[in-house]
Protein backbone atom coordinates (compact mmCIF):
# COMPACT_ATOMS: atom_id res chain seq x y z
CA MET A 1 102.89 103.24 90.37
CA LYS A 2 101.64 101.99 87.01
CA LEU A 3 100.23 98.82 88.57
CA THR A 4 98.51 100.87 91.26
CA VAL A 5 96.84 103.02 88.60
CA LEU A 6 95.86 99.89 86.66
CA TYR A 7 94.44 98.28 89.80
CA PHE A 8 92.21 101.22 90.69
CA ALA A 9 91.16 101.69 87.06
CA LEU A 10 90.01 98.05 86.99
CA LEU A 11 88.29 98.47 90.35
CA ALA A 12 86.47 101.60 89.15
CA LEU A 13 85.35 99.85 85.96
CA ASN A 14 84.14 96.87 87.98
CA ILE A 15 82.11 99.11 90.29
CA ILE A 16 80.63 100.99 87.31
CA GLY A 17 79.73 97.69 85.69
CA GLY A 18 77.97 96.58 88.86
CA LEU A 19 76.10 99.83 89.33
CA PHE A 20 74.81 99.94 85.76
CA GLY A 21 74.26 96.22 85.32
CA ILE A 22 76.98 95.78 82.70
CA GLN A 23 77.73 92.14 83.48
CA GLU A 24 80.37 91.81 80.78
CA LEU A 25 82.39 94.62 82.38
CA THR A 26 82.23 93.11 85.87
CA PHE A 27 83.14 89.66 84.55
CA LEU A 28 86.07 91.10 82.61
CA THR A 29 87.55 93.23 85.40
CA LYS A 30 87.02 91.26 88.61
CA PRO A 31 89.32 88.33 87.70
CA LEU A 32 92.13 90.81 86.93
CA LEU A 33 92.25 92.59 90.31
CA MET A 34 94.22 90.05 92.35
CA PRO A 35 96.69 89.23 89.53
CA VAL A 36 97.56 92.95 89.37
CA LEU A 37 98.18 93.00 93.15
CA ILE A 38 100.28 89.85 92.80
CA GLY A 39 102.33 91.70 90.18
CA LEU A 40 102.73 94.57 92.64
CA VAL A 41 104.01 92.20 95.33
CA TRP A 42 106.33 90.54 92.82
CA LEU A 43 107.90 93.87 91.83
CA GLU A 44 107.94 95.75 95.14
CA GLY A 45 108.34 92.82 97.52
CA ALA A 46 111.07 90.88 95.78
CA LYS A 47 113.23 90.80 98.93
CA VAL A 48 110.61 90.55 101.67
CA SER A 49 110.51 87.36 103.72
CA PHE A 50 106.77 86.81 103.34
CA LYS A 51 106.62 87.41 99.59
CA TRP A 52 105.34 83.93 98.78
CA PRO A 53 102.82 83.73 101.66
CA LEU A 54 101.42 87.11 100.59
CA ILE A 55 101.13 85.92 97.00
CA LEU A 56 99.42 82.77 98.31
CA ALA A 57 96.87 84.88 100.23
CA LEU A 58 96.14 86.83 97.05
CA LEU A 59 95.82 83.61 95.04
CA PHE A 60 93.25 82.29 97.53
CA SER A 61 91.46 85.64 97.27
CA TRP A 62 91.56 85.38 93.48
CA ALA A 63 89.96 81.94 93.68
CA GLY A 64 87.32 83.39 96.01
CA ASP A 65 86.62 86.19 93.53
CA LEU A 66 86.09 83.67 90.74
CA PHE A 67 83.79 81.42 92.78
CA LEU A 68 81.64 84.35 93.94
CA MET A 69 81.09 85.47 90.36
CA PHE A 70 78.70 82.54 89.92
CA ASP A 71 75.26 82.72 91.50
CA ARG A 72 75.06 79.17 92.85
CA ALA A 73 75.08 77.93 96.45
CA GLY A 74 77.96 75.52 95.91
CA PHE A 75 80.17 78.21 94.43
CA PHE A 76 79.38 80.49 97.40
CA VAL A 77 80.70 77.85 99.81
CA PHE A 78 83.86 77.41 97.73
CA GLY A 79 84.31 81.19 97.68
CA LEU A 80 83.86 81.33 101.44
CA GLY A 81 86.47 78.60 101.89
CA SER A 82 88.94 80.33 99.58
CA PHE A 83 88.72 83.61 101.46
CA LEU A 84 88.94 81.78 104.79
CA LEU A 85 92.28 80.32 103.64
CA ALA A 86 93.41 83.80 102.55
CA HIS A 87 92.66 85.18 106.02
CA LEU A 88 94.54 82.32 107.66
CA VAL A 89 97.59 83.18 105.57
CA TYR A 90 97.26 86.85 106.54
CA ILE A 91 97.11 85.75 110.19
CA ILE A 92 100.34 83.78 109.72
CA ILE A 93 102.00 86.82 108.14
CA TYR A 94 100.87 89.13 110.96
CA ARG A 95 101.90 86.87 113.83
CA LYS A 96 105.60 87.77 113.73
CA SER A 97 104.86 91.40 114.61
CA VAL A 98 101.90 90.94 116.97
CA LYS A 99 101.63 91.95 120.62
CA THR A 100 98.24 90.69 121.73
CA SER A 101 95.92 92.80 123.86
CA LEU A 102 92.63 91.71 125.46
CA LEU A 103 91.40 95.29 125.36
CA LYS A 104 91.88 95.46 121.59
CA ALA A 105 90.05 92.16 121.22
CA LEU A 106 86.84 93.42 122.83
CA PRO A 107 85.45 95.35 119.78
CA PHE A 108 86.03 92.34 117.54
CA ILE A 109 84.47 89.92 120.02
CA GLY A 110 81.51 92.28 120.27
CA PHE A 111 81.20 92.46 116.48
CA VAL A 112 81.22 88.67 116.06
CA GLY A 113 78.64 88.26 118.79
CA LEU A 114 76.29 90.96 117.50
CA PHE A 115 76.61 89.98 113.86
CA CYS A 116 76.35 86.21 114.25
CA PHE A 117 73.80 86.10 117.06
CA GLY A 118 71.94 89.26 116.10
CA VAL A 119 71.98 90.18 112.42
CA LEU A 120 72.34 86.61 111.08
CA TRP A 121 70.39 84.82 113.81
CA ASN A 122 67.83 82.42 112.27
CA LYS A 123 68.68 83.77 108.80
CA LEU A 124 71.04 80.97 107.75
CA SER A 125 70.18 77.46 106.61
CA ASP A 126 71.42 74.60 108.78
CA GLU A 127 74.22 73.73 106.37
CA MET A 128 75.44 77.34 106.13
CA THR A 129 75.34 78.32 109.81
CA ILE A 130 78.59 76.71 110.95
CA PRO A 131 80.66 77.67 107.85
CA VAL A 132 79.53 81.31 108.00
CA TYR A 133 80.08 81.56 111.77
CA ILE A 134 83.55 80.03 111.47
CA TYR A 135 84.37 82.42 108.64
CA MET A 136 83.23 85.46 110.66
CA LEU A 137 85.38 84.30 113.57
CA VAL A 138 88.45 83.88 111.35
CA ILE A 139 88.12 87.21 109.53
CA SER A 140 87.52 89.01 112.83
CA THR A 141 90.63 87.34 114.25
CA MET A 142 92.57 88.55 111.21
CA ALA A 143 91.36 92.11 111.83
CA TYR A 144 92.07 91.86 115.56
CA LEU A 145 95.65 90.74 114.94
CA ALA A 146 96.05 93.60 112.46
CA SER A 147 95.23 95.92 115.36
CA CYS A 148 97.97 94.30 117.48
CA ARG A 149 100.88 94.65 115.05
CA ASP A 150 103.92 96.39 116.54
CA VAL A 151 105.26 98.08 113.41
CA ASN A 152 105.80 101.56 111.98
CA VAL A 153 102.74 103.78 112.09
CA LYS A 154 102.05 103.94 108.35
CA SER A 155 102.18 100.17 107.95
CA PHE A 156 99.99 99.70 111.04
CA GLU A 157 97.37 102.16 109.79
CA ASN A 158 97.23 100.78 106.26
CA VAL A 159 96.88 97.15 107.30
CA LEU A 160 94.38 97.86 110.08
CA VAL A 161 92.14 100.01 107.86
CA GLY A 162 92.40 97.37 105.14
CA ALA A 163 91.49 94.57 107.54
CA VAL A 164 88.48 96.47 108.90
CA LEU A 165 87.30 97.27 105.36
CA PHE A 166 87.58 93.55 104.55
CA VAL A 167 85.28 92.75 107.48
CA ILE A 168 82.83 95.44 106.34
CA SER A 169 82.87 94.12 102.78
CA ASP A 170 82.06 90.60 103.90
CA ALA A 171 79.38 91.90 106.26
CA PHE A 172 77.69 93.52 103.24
CA ILE A 173 77.88 90.22 101.37
CA ALA A 174 76.37 88.31 104.30
CA VAL A 175 73.51 90.77 104.79
CA ASN A 176 72.75 90.90 101.06
CA GLU A 177 72.92 87.12 100.72
CA PHE A 178 71.11 86.00 103.86
CA VAL A 179 69.17 88.89 105.44
CA GLN A 180 67.82 91.37 102.90
CA PRO A 181 68.92 92.97 99.62
CA VAL A 182 71.35 95.86 100.06
CA LEU A 183 71.03 99.00 97.94
CA TRP A 184 73.87 99.08 95.38
CA PRO A 185 75.51 95.90 96.75
CA SER A 186 78.27 95.77 94.15
CA PHE A 187 79.34 99.32 95.01
CA TRP A 188 79.61 98.69 98.76
CA VAL A 189 81.13 95.24 98.47
CA MET A 190 83.70 95.96 95.77
CA SER A 191 84.74 99.42 96.96
CA THR A 192 85.47 98.18 100.49
CA TYR A 193 87.03 94.93 99.26
CA GLY A 194 89.19 96.60 96.63
CA PHE A 195 90.62 99.14 99.04
CA ALA A 196 90.98 96.47 101.73
CA GLN A 197 93.23 94.23 99.69
CA TYR A 198 95.32 97.12 98.37
CA LEU A 199 95.86 98.66 101.82
CA ILE A 200 96.81 95.33 103.39
CA VAL A 201 99.35 94.62 100.66
CA LYS A 202 100.86 98.11 100.68
CA GLY A 203 100.93 98.21 104.47
CA LEU A 204 102.73 94.89 104.74
CA LEU A 205 105.26 95.93 102.10
CA LYS A 206 105.88 99.24 103.88
CA ASP A 207 106.71 97.40 107.09
CA ALA A 208 109.01 94.91 105.38
CA LEU A 209 110.81 97.59 103.37
CA GLY A 210 111.00 100.05 106.28
CA VAL A 211 108.89 102.68 104.53
CA LYS A 212 107.41 105.12 107.06
CA SER A 213 105.46 107.51 104.83
């Protein structure tokens, strides 16, 4: 409970810092978000089988957070790669409880097609096109598999909402970075991202610990 309060306090301060241009506040709070979630997993998930993979996914996310704090093209690519690895680990965690469905895949296939070949079409440089398209495919696969998990309802809902929010967060980043500036980008990106990571972690822990409410 205390770590949850700390996490959302840090998230709120980060969003406030972004909205009001207080760079010191955003730089202080953003690197602390994933370590707090790792602490949550360490305390609440001590006996779950995927404890270390989940911590690994959060460590990759933490690295991505750090890289994306710097406004340079090279750091953006490293951040993209770090989050891609995090999504691959989430996919590995999900796979044990997945029952695939072509019908459930259709919205995600549609999203990838519309976003990559609509919103981002001709907006990316040659060197960024393939990495960004691969990333969008991987994160959409992560969200699709979240929709196929055969687990208790609360865990299913938390992880699926978290996965979809993660996709939305990264869509905001892509539009702001490559298409046109987004109004209040830090608010949209960090609010969706912060809730996404928290809901995925809590949802996975609820499934492993048999919590249904």
